[in-house]
């Protein structure tokens, strides 16, 4: 049993890979999120989902551009909560509530002397 455990431990250590840098992980995550947001044709329409998808793509582009220039942990702390909220808003699928002004179906007569002013 002990020799099997040593053999298994030796095999697992010999096949272990080098640790991946966090820059490459963030790079691949941003590319994946950008492609998921950009693939939908609604991104070019004037809807709430289109605006939030476009904003998420813009934030992904900003992170990709500043990946080598700014510390990666700072980028993650700053932009991931924003991207998370944008993705949640996209997946929520609600539309903007458009408020229409109340239209009057009467007309006030300004020349009638006994009528009260509004």
PDB file of N, CA and C in Angstrom:
ATOM      1  N   UNK A   1       0.820  -1.197   0.000  1.00  0.00           N
ATOM      2  CA  UNK A   1       0.000   0.000   0.000  1.00  0.00           C
ATOM      3  C   UNK A   1       0.866   1.265   0.000  1.00  0.00           C
ATOM      4  N   UNK A   2       1.943   1.187   0.787  1.00  0.00           N
ATOM      5  CA  UNK A   2       2.816   2.348   0.889  1.00  0.00           C
ATOM      6  C   UNK A   2       3.540   2.599  -0.439  1.00  0.00           C
ATOM      7  N   UNK A   3       3.931   1.562  -1.116  1.00  0.00           N
ATOM      8  CA  UNK A   3       4.614   1.741  -2.396  1.00  0.00           C
ATOM      9  C   UNK A   3       3.652   2.305  -3.453  1.00  0.00           C
ATOM     10  N   UNK A   4       2.382   1.888  -3.394  1.00  0.00           N
ATOM     11  CA  UNK A   4       1.386   2.427  -4.318  1.00  0.00           C
ATOM     12  C   UNK A   4       1.173   3.914  -4.080  1.00  0.00           C
ATOM     13  N   UNK A   5       1.116   4.318  -2.800  1.00  0.00           N
ATOM     14  CA  UNK A   5       0.943   5.730  -2.462  1.00  0.00           C
ATOM     15  C   UNK A   5       2.142   6.545  -2.937  1.00  0.00           C
ATOM     16  N   UNK A   6       3.358   6.007  -2.757  1.00  0.00           N
ATOM     17  CA  UNK A   6       4.556   6.715  -3.224  1.00  0.00           C
ATOM     18  C   UNK A   6       4.578   6.808  -4.743  1.00  0.00           C
ATOM     19  N   UNK A   7       4.165   5.731  -5.397  1.00  0.00           N
ATOM     20  CA  UNK A   7       4.114   5.751  -6.858  1.00  0.00           C
ATOM     21  C   UNK A   7       3.096   6.775  -7.364  1.00  0.00           C
ATOM     22  N   UNK A   8       1.923   6.826  -6.732  1.00  0.00           N
ATOM     23  CA  UNK A   8       0.893   7.786  -7.111  1.00  0.00           C
ATOM     24  C   UNK A   8       1.346   9.222  -6.860  1.00  0.00           C
ATOM     25  N   UNK A   9       1.999   9.449  -5.723  1.00  0.00           N
ATOM     26  CA  UNK A   9       2.501  10.790  -5.406  1.00  0.00           C
ATOM     27  C   UNK A   9       3.593  11.203  -6.387  1.00  0.00           C
ATOM     28  N   UNK A  10       4.492  10.311  -6.722  1.00  0.00           N
ATOM     29  CA  UNK A  10       5.550  10.612  -7.678  1.00  0.00           C
ATOM     30  C   UNK A  10       4.996  10.894  -9.061  1.00  0.00           C
ATOM     31  N   UNK A  11       4.002  10.117  -9.471  1.00  0.00           N
ATOM     32  CA  UNK A  11       3.382  10.331 -10.784  1.00  0.00           C
ATOM     33  C   UNK A  11       2.660  11.675 -10.844  1.00  0.00           C
ATOM     34  N   UNK A  12       1.945  12.017  -9.782  1.00  0.00           N
ATOM     35  CA  UNK A  12       1.213  13.287  -9.784  1.00  0.00           C
ATOM     36  C   UNK A  12       2.155  14.481  -9.759  1.00  0.00           C
ATOM     37  N   UNK A  13       3.273  14.368  -9.051  1.00  0.00           N
ATOM     38  CA  UNK A  13       4.233  15.472  -9.019  1.00  0.00           C
ATOM     39  C   UNK A  13       4.968  15.622 -10.346  1.00  0.00           C
ATOM     40  N   UNK A  14       5.196  14.505 -11.038  1.00  0.00           N
ATOM     41  CA  UNK A  14       5.900  14.605 -12.313  1.00  0.00           C
ATOM     42  C   UNK A  14       5.008  15.185 -13.414  1.00  0.00           C
ATOM     43  N   UNK A  15       3.714  15.002 -13.293  1.00  0.00           N
ATOM     44  CA  UNK A  15       2.794  15.510 -14.311  1.00  0.00           C
ATOM     45  C   UNK A  15       2.178  16.853 -13.956  1.00  0.00           C
ATOM     46  N   UNK A  16       2.572  17.425 -12.857  1.00  0.00           N
ATOM     47  CA  UNK A  16       1.976  18.705 -12.469  1.00  0.00           C
ATOM     48  C   UNK A  16       2.510  19.814 -13.365  1.00  0.00           C
ATOM     49  N   UNK A  17       1.642  20.748 -13.638  1.00  0.00           N
ATOM     50  CA  UNK A  17       1.997  21.843 -14.543  1.00  0.00           C
ATOM     51  C   UNK A  17       2.474  23.042 -13.736  1.00  0.00           C
ATOM     52  N   UNK A  18       3.085  23.942 -14.426  1.00  0.00           N
ATOM     53  CA  UNK A  18       3.524  25.181 -13.801  1.00  0.00           C
ATOM     54  C   UNK A  18       2.293  26.007 -13.432  1.00  0.00           C
ATOM     55  N   UNK A  19       2.364  26.754 -12.363  1.00  0.00           N
ATOM     56  CA  UNK A  19       1.210  27.604 -12.023  1.00  0.00           C
ATOM     57  C   UNK A  19       0.998  28.673 -13.095  1.00  0.00           C
ATOM     58  N   UNK A  20      -0.256  28.927 -13.393  1.00  0.00           N
ATOM     59  CA  UNK A  20      -0.616  29.888 -14.432  1.00  0.00           C
ATOM     60  C   UNK A  20      -0.638  31.287 -13.823  1.00  0.00           C
ATOM     61  N   UNK A  21      -0.084  32.227 -14.528  1.00  0.00           N
ATOM     62  CA  UNK A  21      -0.076  33.609 -14.053  1.00  0.00           C
ATOM     63  C   UNK A  21      -1.497  34.167 -14.080  1.00  0.00           C
ATOM     64  N   UNK A  22      -1.773  35.050 -13.147  1.00  0.00           N
ATOM     65  CA  UNK A  22      -3.118  35.616 -13.043  1.00  0.00           C
ATOM     66  C   UNK A  22      -3.437  36.510 -14.242  1.00  0.00           C
ATOM     67  N   UNK A  23      -2.411  37.057 -14.878  1.00  0.00           N
ATOM     68  CA  UNK A  23      -2.645  37.894 -16.065  1.00  0.00           C
ATOM     69  C   UNK A  23      -3.308  37.098 -17.187  1.00  0.00           C
ATOM     70  N   UNK A  24      -2.842  35.884 -17.400  1.00  0.00           N
ATOM     71  CA  UNK A  24      -3.433  35.084 -18.473  1.00  0.00           C
ATOM     72  C   UNK A  24      -4.857  34.657 -18.125  1.00  0.00           C
ATOM     73  N   UNK A  25      -5.124  34.409 -16.856  1.00  0.00           N
ATOM     74  CA  UNK A  25      -6.487  34.044 -16.444  1.00  0.00           C
ATOM     75  C   UNK A  25      -7.435  35.211 -16.685  1.00  0.00           C
ATOM     76  N   UNK A  26      -7.030  36.398 -16.268  1.00  0.00           N
ATOM     77  CA  UNK A  26      -7.871  37.584 -16.460  1.00  0.00           C
ATOM     78  C   UNK A  26      -8.029  37.878 -17.951  1.00  0.00           C
ATOM     79  N   UNK A  27      -6.986  37.694 -18.727  1.00  0.00           N
ATOM     80  CA  UNK A  27      -7.046  37.913 -20.169  1.00  0.00           C
ATOM     81  C   UNK A  27      -8.072  36.990 -20.819  1.00  0.00           C
ATOM     82  N   UNK A  28      -8.019  35.710 -20.479  1.00  0.00           N
ATOM     83  CA  UNK A  28      -8.967  34.764 -21.071  1.00  0.00           C
ATOM     84  C   UNK A  28     -10.393  35.007 -20.586  1.00  0.00           C
ATOM     85  N   UNK A  29     -10.573  35.391 -19.328  1.00  0.00           N
ATOM     86  CA  UNK A  29     -11.909  35.694 -18.814  1.00  0.00           C
ATOM     87  C   UNK A  29     -12.500  36.913 -19.516  1.00  0.00           C
ATOM     88  N   UNK A  30     -11.678  37.935 -19.738  1.00  0.00           N
ATOM     89  CA  UNK A  30     -12.178  39.136 -20.412  1.00  0.00           C
ATOM     90  C   UNK A  30     -12.538  38.838 -21.860  1.00  0.00           C
ATOM     91  N   UNK A  31     -11.723  38.042 -22.543  1.00  0.00           N
ATOM     92  CA  UNK A  31     -12.048  37.675 -23.924  1.00  0.00           C
ATOM     93  C   UNK A  31     -13.333  36.858 -23.995  1.00  0.00           C
ATOM     94  N   UNK A  32     -13.509  35.945 -23.043  1.00  0.00           N
ATOM     95  CA  UNK A  32     -14.722  35.131 -23.021  1.00  0.00           C
ATOM     96  C   UNK A  32     -15.954  35.982 -22.760  1.00  0.00           C
ATOM     97  N   UNK A  33     -15.872  36.879 -21.764  1.00  0.00           N
ATOM     98  CA  UNK A  33     -17.018  37.736 -21.449  1.00  0.00           C
ATOM     99  C   UNK A  33     -17.316  38.695 -22.603  1.00  0.00           C
ATOM    100  N   UNK A  34     -16.264  39.232 -23.219  1.00  0.00           N
ATOM    101  CA  UNK A  34     -16.463  40.140 -24.352  1.00  0.00           C
ATOM    102  C   UNK A  34     -17.149  39.426 -25.512  1.00  0.00           C
ATOM    103  N   UNK A  35     -16.730  38.198 -25.791  1.00  0.00           N
ATOM    104  CA  UNK A  35     -17.356  37.470 -26.888  1.00  0.00           C
ATOM    105  C   UNK A  35     -18.798  37.100 -26.567  1.00  0.00           C
ATOM    106  N   UNK A  36     -19.095  36.804 -25.309  1.00  0.00           N
ATOM    107  CA  UNK A  36     -20.476  36.484 -24.937  1.00  0.00           C
ATOM    108  C   UNK A  36     -21.382  37.706 -25.030  1.00  0.00           C
ATOM    109  N   UNK A  37     -20.860  38.871 -24.682  1.00  0.00           N
ATOM    110  CA  UNK A  37     -21.667  40.091 -24.738  1.00  0.00           C
ATOM    111  C   UNK A  37     -21.797  40.605 -26.164  1.00  0.00           C
ATOM    112  N   UNK A  38     -20.782  40.404 -26.971  1.00  0.00           N
ATOM    113  CA  UNK A  38     -20.739  40.983 -28.315  1.00  0.00           C
ATOM    114  C   UNK A  38     -21.450  40.129 -29.361  1.00  0.00           C
ATOM    115  N   UNK A  39     -21.738  38.880 -29.054  1.00  0.00           N
ATOM    116  CA  UNK A  39     -22.291  37.970 -30.054  1.00  0.00           C
ATOM    117  C   UNK A  39     -23.766  38.250 -30.335  1.00  0.00           C
ATOM    118  N   UNK A  40     -24.481  38.842 -29.424  1.00  0.00           N
ATOM    119  CA  UNK A  40     -25.910  39.081 -29.581  1.00  0.00           C
ATOM    120  C   UNK A  40     -26.131  40.310 -30.462  1.00  0.00           C
ATOM    121  N   UNK A  41     -27.019  40.236 -31.455  1.00  0.00           N
ATOM    122  CA  UNK A  41     -27.247  41.406 -32.326  1.00  0.00           C
ATOM    123  C   UNK A  41     -27.999  42.537 -31.639  1.00  0.00           C
ATOM    124  N   UNK A  42     -28.518  42.303 -30.442  1.00  0.00           N
ATOM    125  CA  UNK A  42     -29.263  43.355 -29.740  1.00  0.00           C
ATOM    126  C   UNK A  42     -28.320  44.436 -29.200  1.00  0.00           C
ATOM    127  N   UNK A  43     -27.018  44.193 -29.260  1.00  0.00           N
ATOM    128  CA  UNK A  43     -26.054  45.174 -28.752  1.00  0.00           C
ATOM    129  C   UNK A  43     -26.137  46.486 -29.524  1.00  0.00           C
ATOM    130  N   UNK A  44     -26.593  46.449 -30.760  1.00  0.00           N
ATOM    131  CA  UNK A  44     -26.656  47.655 -31.581  1.00  0.00           C
ATOM    132  C   UNK A  44     -28.033  48.291 -31.562  1.00  0.00           C
ATOM    133  N   UNK A  45     -28.953  47.796 -30.746  1.00  0.00           N
ATOM    134  CA  UNK A  45     -30.292  48.357 -30.674  1.00  0.00           C
ATOM    135  C   UNK A  45     -30.420  49.275 -29.467  1.00  0.00           C
ATOM    136  N   UNK A  46     -31.362  50.190 -29.555  1.00  0.00           N
ATOM    137  CA  UNK A  46     -31.578  51.135 -28.462  1.00  0.00           C
ATOM    138  C   UNK A  46     -32.498  50.529 -27.414  1.00  0.00           C
ATOM    139  N   UNK A  47     -31.991  49.551 -26.708  1.00  0.00           N
ATOM    140  CA  UNK A  47     -32.730  48.941 -25.610  1.00  0.00           C
ATOM    141  C   UNK A  47     -31.827  48.922 -24.392  1.00  0.00           C
ATOM    142  N   UNK A  48     -32.403  48.623 -23.256  1.00  0.00           N
ATOM    143  CA  UNK A  48     -31.617  48.572 -22.028  1.00  0.00           C
ATOM    144  C   UNK A  48     -30.575  47.467 -22.103  1.00  0.00           C
ATOM    145  N   UNK A  49     -30.974  46.318 -22.649  1.00  0.00           N
ATOM    146  CA  UNK A  49     -30.025  45.211 -22.767  1.00  0.00           C
ATOM    147  C   UNK A  49     -28.891  45.567 -23.724  1.00  0.00           C
ATOM    148  N   UNK A  50     -29.200  46.279 -24.802  1.00  0.00           N
ATOM    149  CA  UNK A  50     -28.164  46.688 -25.740  1.00  0.00           C
ATOM    150  C   UNK A  50     -27.164  47.642 -25.109  1.00  0.00           C
ATOM    151  N   UNK A  51     -27.666  48.603 -24.325  1.00  0.00           N
ATOM    152  CA  UNK A  51     -26.777  49.544 -23.652  1.00  0.00           C
ATOM    153  C   UNK A  51     -25.886  48.839 -22.636  1.00  0.00           C
ATOM    154  N   UNK A  52     -26.450  47.930 -21.836  1.00  0.00           N
ATOM    155  CA  UNK A  52     -25.642  47.259 -20.824  1.00  0.00           C
ATOM    156  C   UNK A  52     -24.650  46.288 -21.462  1.00  0.00           C
ATOM    157  N   UNK A  53     -25.038  45.625 -22.545  1.00  0.00           N
ATOM    158  CA  UNK A  53     -24.087  44.765 -23.249  1.00  0.00           C
ATOM    159  C   UNK A  53     -22.932  45.593 -23.827  1.00  0.00           C
ATOM    160  N   UNK A  54     -23.255  46.729 -24.420  1.00  0.00           N
ATOM    161  CA  UNK A  54     -22.225  47.591 -24.997  1.00  0.00           C
ATOM    162  C   UNK A  54     -21.300  48.133 -23.915  1.00  0.00           C
ATOM    163  N   UNK A  55     -21.859  48.475 -22.761  1.00  0.00           N
ATOM    164  CA  UNK A  55     -21.039  48.975 -21.661  1.00  0.00           C
ATOM    165  C   UNK A  55     -20.122  47.884 -21.116  1.00  0.00           C
ATOM    166  N   UNK A  56     -20.626  46.642 -21.040  1.00  0.00           N
ATOM    167  CA  UNK A  56     -19.799  45.530 -20.573  1.00  0.00           C
ATOM    168  C   UNK A  56     -18.645  45.271 -21.549  1.00  0.00           C
ATOM    169  N   UNK A  57     -18.912  45.370 -22.837  1.00  0.00           N
ATOM    170  CA  UNK A  57     -17.849  45.197 -23.833  1.00  0.00           C
ATOM    171  C   UNK A  57     -16.821  46.307 -23.691  1.00  0.00           C
ATOM    172  N   UNK A  58     -17.274  47.528 -23.444  1.00  0.00           N
ATOM    173  CA  UNK A  58     -16.346  48.651 -23.281  1.00  0.00           C
ATOM    174  C   UNK A  58     -15.456  48.468 -22.053  1.00  0.00           C
ATOM    175  N   UNK A  59     -16.035  47.975 -20.937  1.00  0.00           N
ATOM    176  CA  UNK A  59     -15.237  47.730 -19.733  1.00  0.00           C
ATOM    177  C   UNK A  59     -14.237  46.601 -19.986  1.00  0.00           C
ATOM    178  N   UNK A  60     -14.652  45.569 -20.700  1.00  0.00           N
ATOM    179  CA  UNK A  60     -13.729  44.474 -21.045  1.00  0.00           C
ATOM    180  C   UNK A  60     -12.570  44.994 -21.893  1.00  0.00           C
ATOM    181  N   UNK A  61     -12.862  45.854 -22.837  1.00  0.00           N
ATOM    182  CA  UNK A  61     -11.795  46.435 -23.664  1.00  0.00           C
ATOM    183  C   UNK A  61     -10.846  47.283 -22.826  1.00  0.00           C
ATOM    184  N   UNK A  62     -11.375  48.052 -21.870  1.00  0.00           N
ATOM    185  CA  UNK A  62     -10.520  48.862 -21.006  1.00  0.00           C
ATOM    186  C   UNK A  62      -9.614  47.976 -20.158  1.00  0.00           C
ATOM    187  N   UNK A  63     -10.156  46.873 -19.632  1.00  0.00           N
ATOM    188  CA  UNK A  63      -9.340  45.957 -18.826  1.00  0.00           C
ATOM    189  C   UNK A  63      -8.271  45.301 -19.691  1.00  0.00           C
ATOM    190  N   UNK A  64      -8.637  44.881 -20.898  1.00  0.00           N
ATOM    191  CA  UNK A  64      -7.652  44.256 -21.782  1.00  0.00           C
ATOM    192  C   UNK A  64      -6.547  45.238 -22.173  1.00  0.00           C
ATOM    193  N   UNK A  65      -6.898  46.499 -22.377  1.00  0.00           N
ATOM    194  CA  UNK A  65      -5.895  47.496 -22.748  1.00  0.00           C
ATOM    195  C   UNK A  65      -4.938  47.808 -21.603  1.00  0.00           C
ATOM    196  N   UNK A  66      -5.434  47.807 -20.379  1.00  0.00           N
ATOM    197  CA  UNK A  66      -4.596  48.171 -19.249  1.00  0.00           C
ATOM    198  C   UNK A  66      -4.058  46.966 -18.492  1.00  0.00           C
ATOM    199  N   UNK A  67      -4.119  45.790 -19.075  1.00  0.00           N
ATOM    200  CA  UNK A  67      -3.703  44.576 -18.383  1.00  0.00           C
ATOM    201  C   UNK A  67      -2.209  44.553 -18.092  1.00  0.00           C
ATOM    202  N   UNK A  68      -1.377  44.953 -18.982  1.00  0.00           N
ATOM    203  CA  UNK A  68       0.062  44.945 -18.734  1.00  0.00           C
ATOM    204  C   UNK A  68       0.561  46.192 -18.044  1.00  0.00           C
ATOM    205  N   UNK A  69      -0.236  47.232 -17.995  1.00  0.00           N
ATOM    206  CA  UNK A  69       0.209  48.523 -17.479  1.00  0.00           C
ATOM    207  C   UNK A  69      -0.098  48.720 -16.000  1.00  0.00           C
ATOM    208  N   UNK A  70      -1.244  48.178 -15.552  1.00  0.00           N
ATOM    209  CA  UNK A  70      -1.695  48.341 -14.169  1.00  0.00           C
ATOM    210  C   UNK A  70      -1.637  46.983 -13.488  1.00  0.00           C
ATOM    211  N   UNK A  71      -1.440  46.991 -12.187  1.00  0.00           N
ATOM    212  CA  UNK A  71      -1.412  45.760 -11.412  1.00  0.00           C
ATOM    213  C   UNK A  71      -2.722  44.989 -11.612  1.00  0.00           C
ATOM    214  N   UNK A  72      -2.618  43.694 -11.844  1.00  0.00           N
ATOM    215  CA  UNK A  72      -3.786  42.880 -12.183  1.00  0.00           C
ATOM    216  C   UNK A  72      -4.772  42.803 -11.029  1.00  0.00           C
ATOM    217  N   UNK A  73      -4.276  42.724  -9.793  1.00  0.00           N
ATOM    218  CA  UNK A  73      -5.177  42.662  -8.640  1.00  0.00           C
ATOM    219  C   UNK A  73      -6.005  43.938  -8.510  1.00  0.00           C
ATOM    220  N   UNK A  74      -5.420  45.071  -8.833  1.00  0.00           N
ATOM    221  CA  UNK A  74      -6.154  46.337  -8.802  1.00  0.00           C
ATOM    222  C   UNK A  74      -7.243  46.355  -9.863  1.00  0.00           C
ATOM    223  N   UNK A  75      -6.920  45.850 -11.052  1.00  0.00           N
ATOM    224  CA  UNK A  75      -7.920  45.781 -12.115  1.00  0.00           C
ATOM    225  C   UNK A  75      -9.091  44.886 -11.719  1.00  0.00           C
ATOM    226  N   UNK A  76      -8.780  43.755 -11.114  1.00  0.00           N
ATOM    227  CA  UNK A  76      -9.830  42.821 -10.710  1.00  0.00           C
ATOM    228  C   UNK A  76     -10.714  43.443  -9.636  1.00  0.00           C
ATOM    229  N   UNK A  77     -10.107  44.052  -8.626  1.00  0.00           N
ATOM    230  CA  UNK A  77     -10.882  44.670  -7.541  1.00  0.00           C
ATOM    231  C   UNK A  77     -11.746  45.818  -8.047  1.00  0.00           C
ATOM    232  N   UNK A  78     -11.266  46.533  -9.036  1.00  0.00           N
ATOM    233  CA  UNK A  78     -11.978  47.711  -9.527  1.00  0.00           C
ATOM    234  C   UNK A  78     -13.077  47.360 -10.525  1.00  0.00           C
ATOM    235  N   UNK A  79     -12.822  46.433 -11.440  1.00  0.00           N
ATOM    236  CA  UNK A  79     -13.728  46.225 -12.567  1.00  0.00           C
ATOM    237  C   UNK A  79     -14.626  45.003 -12.458  1.00  0.00           C
ATOM    238  N   UNK A  80     -14.255  43.987 -11.699  1.00  0.00           N
ATOM    239  CA  UNK A  80     -15.097  42.801 -11.639  1.00  0.00           C
ATOM    240  C   UNK A  80     -16.459  43.051 -10.993  1.00  0.00           C
ATOM    241  N   UNK A  81     -16.571  43.868  -9.921  1.00  0.00           N
ATOM    242  CA  UNK A  81     -17.932  44.148  -9.411  1.00  0.00           C
ATOM    243  C   UNK A  81     -18.805  44.875 -10.435  1.00  0.00           C
ATOM    244  N   UNK A  82     -18.211  45.780 -11.196  1.00  0.00           N
ATOM    245  CA  UNK A  82     -18.963  46.488 -12.234  1.00  0.00           C
ATOM    246  C   UNK A  82     -19.410  45.523 -13.327  1.00  0.00           C
ATOM    247  N   UNK A  83     -18.512  44.669 -13.762  1.00  0.00           N
ATOM    248  CA  UNK A  83     -18.873  43.688 -14.795  1.00  0.00           C
ATOM    249  C   UNK A  83     -19.913  42.702 -14.291  1.00  0.00           C
ATOM    250  N   UNK A  84     -19.811  42.320 -13.032  1.00  0.00           N
ATOM    251  CA  UNK A  84     -20.789  41.396 -12.465  1.00  0.00           C
ATOM    252  C   UNK A  84     -22.177  42.019 -12.445  1.00  0.00           C
ATOM    253  N   UNK A  85     -22.268  43.289 -12.051  1.00  0.00           N
ATOM    254  CA  UNK A  85     -23.579  43.947 -12.033  1.00  0.00           C
ATOM    255  C   UNK A  85     -24.123  44.145 -13.452  1.00  0.00           C
ATOM    256  N   UNK A  86     -23.239  44.425 -14.415  1.00  0.00           N
ATOM    257  CA  UNK A  86     -23.695  44.581 -15.801  1.00  0.00           C
ATOM    258  C   UNK A  86     -24.213  43.259 -16.371  1.00  0.00           C
ATOM    259  N   UNK A  87     -23.522  42.168 -16.078  1.00  0.00           N
ATOM    260  CA  UNK A  87     -23.974  40.860 -16.563  1.00  0.00           C
ATOM    261  C   UNK A  87     -25.298  40.477 -15.911  1.00  0.00           C
ATOM    262  N   UNK A  88     -25.462  40.799 -14.627  1.00  0.00           N
ATOM    263  CA  UNK A  88     -26.744  40.519 -13.961  1.00  0.00           C
ATOM    264  C   UNK A  88     -27.868  41.337 -14.583  1.00  0.00           C
ATOM    265  N   UNK A  89     -27.603  42.590 -14.942  1.00  0.00           N
ATOM    266  CA  UNK A  89     -28.626  43.415 -15.587  1.00  0.00           C
ATOM    267  C   UNK A  89     -28.966  42.907 -16.978  1.00  0.00           C
ATOM    268  N   UNK A  90     -27.978  42.397 -17.692  1.00  0.00           N
ATOM    269  CA  UNK A  90     -28.243  41.836 -19.020  1.00  0.00           C
ATOM    270  C   UNK A  90     -29.105  40.594 -18.888  1.00  0.00           C
ATOM    271  N   UNK A  91     -28.776  39.747 -17.930  1.00  0.00           N
ATOM    272  CA  UNK A  91     -29.522  38.499 -17.760  1.00  0.00           C
ATOM    273  C   UNK A  91     -30.906  38.709 -17.160  1.00  0.00           C
ATOM    274  N   UNK A  92     -31.107  39.857 -16.524  1.00  0.00           N
ATOM    275  CA  UNK A  92     -32.425  40.136 -15.950  1.00  0.00           C
ATOM    276  C   UNK A  92     -33.470  40.335 -17.037  1.00  0.00           C
ATOM    277  N   UNK A  93     -33.098  40.983 -18.107  1.00  0.00           N
ATOM    278  CA  UNK A  93     -33.964  41.109 -19.275  1.00  0.00           C
ATOM    279  C   UNK A  93     -35.103  42.096 -19.126  1.00  0.00           C
ATOM    280  N   UNK A  94     -34.982  43.084 -18.264  1.00  0.00           N
ATOM    281  CA  UNK A  94     -36.035  44.085 -18.132  1.00  0.00           C
ATOM    282  C   UNK A  94     -35.776  45.239 -19.092  1.00  0.00           C
ATOM    283  N   UNK A  95     -36.814  45.983 -19.370  1.00  0.00           N
ATOM    284  CA  UNK A  95     -36.704  47.133 -20.269  1.00  0.00           C
ATOM    285  C   UNK A  95     -36.841  48.418 -19.460  1.00  0.00           C
ATOM    286  N   UNK A  96     -36.452  49.516 -20.054  1.00  0.00           N
ATOM    287  CA  UNK A  96     -36.648  50.815 -19.425  1.00  0.00           C
ATOM    288  C   UNK A  96     -38.134  51.111 -19.330  1.00  0.00           C
ATOM    289  N   UNK A  97     -38.533  51.729 -18.246  1.00  0.00           N
ATOM    290  CA  UNK A  97     -39.911  52.165 -18.085  1.00  0.00           C
ATOM    291  C   UNK A  97     -40.020  53.578 -18.649  1.00  0.00           C
ATOM    292  N   UNK A  98     -40.757  53.733 -19.704  1.00  0.00           N
ATOM    293  CA  UNK A  98     -40.924  55.040 -20.342  1.00  0.00           C
ATOM    294  C   UNK A  98     -42.166  55.696 -19.765  1.00  0.00           C
ATOM    295  N   UNK A  99     -41.963  56.858 -19.175  1.00  0.00           N
ATOM    296  CA  UNK A  99     -43.090  57.584 -18.599  1.00  0.00           C
ATOM    297  C   UNK A  99     -43.618  58.565 -19.633  1.00  0.00           C
ATOM    298  N   UNK A 100     -44.882  58.441 -19.929  1.00  0.00           N
ATOM    299  CA  UNK A 100     -45.505  59.353 -20.877  1.00  0.00           C
ATOM    300  C   UNK A 100     -46.232  60.442 -20.102  1.00  0.00           C
ATOM    301  N   UNK A 101     -46.134  61.680 -20.569  1.00  0.00           N
ATOM    302  CA  UNK A 101     -46.830  62.754 -19.866  1.00  0.00           C
ATOM    303  C   UNK A 101     -48.345  62.559 -19.948  1.00  0.00           C
ATOM    304  N   UNK A 102     -49.009  62.983 -18.897  1.00  0.00           N
ATOM    305  CA  UNK A 102     -50.465  62.872 -18.860  1.00  0.00           C
ATOM    306  C   UNK A 102     -51.050  63.850 -19.869  1.00  0.00           C
ATOM    307  N   UNK A 103     -51.823  63.331 -20.755  1.00  0.00           N
ATOM    308  CA  UNK A 103     -52.411  64.200 -21.768  1.00  0.00           C
ATOM    309  C   UNK A 103     -53.806  64.632 -21.305  1.00  0.00           C
ATOM    310  N   UNK A 104     -54.075  65.933 -21.451  1.00  0.00           N
ATOM    311  CA  UNK A 104     -55.386  66.468 -21.071  1.00  0.00           C
ATOM    312  C   UNK A 104     -56.346  66.281 -22.241  1.00  0.00           C
ATOM    313  N   UNK A 105     -57.544  65.916 -21.920  1.00  0.00           N
ATOM    314  CA  UNK A 105     -58.540  65.804 -22.983  1.00  0.00           C
ATOM    315  C   UNK A 105     -59.529  66.980 -22.918  1.00  0.00           C
ATOM    316  N   UNK A 106     -59.101  68.081 -22.305  1.00  0.00           N
ATOM    317  CA  UNK A 106     -59.921  69.294 -22.265  1.00  0.00           C
ATOM    318  C   UNK A 106     -59.016  70.476 -22.578  1.00  0.00           C
ATOM    319  N   UNK A 107     -59.642  71.589 -22.889  1.00  0.00           N
ATOM    320  CA  UNK A 107     -58.899  72.791 -23.204  1.00  0.00           C
ATOM    321  C   UNK A 107     -59.424  73.911 -22.328  1.00  0.00           C
ATOM    322  N   UNK A 108     -58.510  74.692 -21.767  1.00  0.00           N
ATOM    323  CA  UNK A 108     -58.907  75.778 -20.876  1.00  0.00           C
ATOM    324  C   UNK A 108     -59.221  77.021 -21.697  1.00  0.00           C
ATOM    325  N   UNK A 109     -60.348  77.659 -21.372  1.00  0.00           N
ATOM    326  CA  UNK A 109     -60.762  78.864 -22.073  1.00  0.00           C
ATOM    327  C   UNK A 109     -60.226  80.065 -21.300  1.00  0.00           C
ATOM    328  N   UNK A 110     -59.222  80.732 -21.830  1.00  0.00           N
ATOM    329  CA  UNK A 110     -58.620  81.878 -21.162  1.00  0.00           C
ATOM    330  C   UNK A 110     -59.450  83.146 -21.323  1.00  0.00           C
ATOM    331  N   UNK A 111     -60.342  83.178 -22.253  1.00  0.00           N
ATOM    332  CA  UNK A 111     -61.101  84.395 -22.510  1.00  0.00           C
ATOM    333  C   UNK A 111     -62.438  84.433 -21.778  1.00  0.00           C
ATOM    334  N   UNK A 112     -62.815  83.341 -21.170  1.00  0.00           N
ATOM    335  CA  UNK A 112     -64.086  83.305 -20.430  1.00  0.00           C
ATOM    336  C   UNK A 112     -63.811  83.881 -19.048  1.00  0.00           C
ATOM    337  N   UNK A 113     -64.521  84.930 -18.654  1.00  0.00           N
ATOM    338  CA  UNK A 113     -64.205  85.678 -17.436  1.00  0.00           C
ATOM    339  C   UNK A 113     -64.589  84.958 -16.157  1.00  0.00           C
ATOM    340  N   UNK A 114     -65.599  84.113 -16.155  1.00  0.00           N
ATOM    341  CA  UNK A 114     -66.018  83.469 -14.928  1.00  0.00           C
ATOM    342  C   UNK A 114     -65.325  82.130 -14.657  1.00  0.00           C
ATOM    343  N   UNK A 115     -64.482  81.715 -15.560  1.00  0.00           N
ATOM    344  CA  UNK A 115     -63.797  80.445 -15.316  1.00  0.00           C
ATOM    345  C   UNK A 115     -62.579  80.672 -14.416  1.00  0.00           C
ATOM    346  N   UNK A 116     -62.286  79.719 -13.612  1.00  0.00           N
ATOM    347  CA  UNK A 116     -61.146  79.854 -12.693  1.00  0.00           C
ATOM    348  C   UNK A 116     -59.871  79.462 -13.435  1.00  0.00           C
ATOM    349  N   UNK A 117     -58.820  80.122 -13.086  1.00  0.00           N
ATOM    350  CA  UNK A 117     -57.521  79.835 -13.711  1.00  0.00           C
ATOM    351  C   UNK A 117     -56.959  78.529 -13.138  1.00  0.00           C
ATOM    352  N   UNK A 118     -56.246  77.759 -13.908  1.00  0.00           N
ATOM    353  CA  UNK A 118     -55.691  76.493 -13.399  1.00  0.00           C
ATOM    354  C   UNK A 118     -54.561  76.721 -12.425  1.00  0.00           C
TER     355      UNK A 118
END
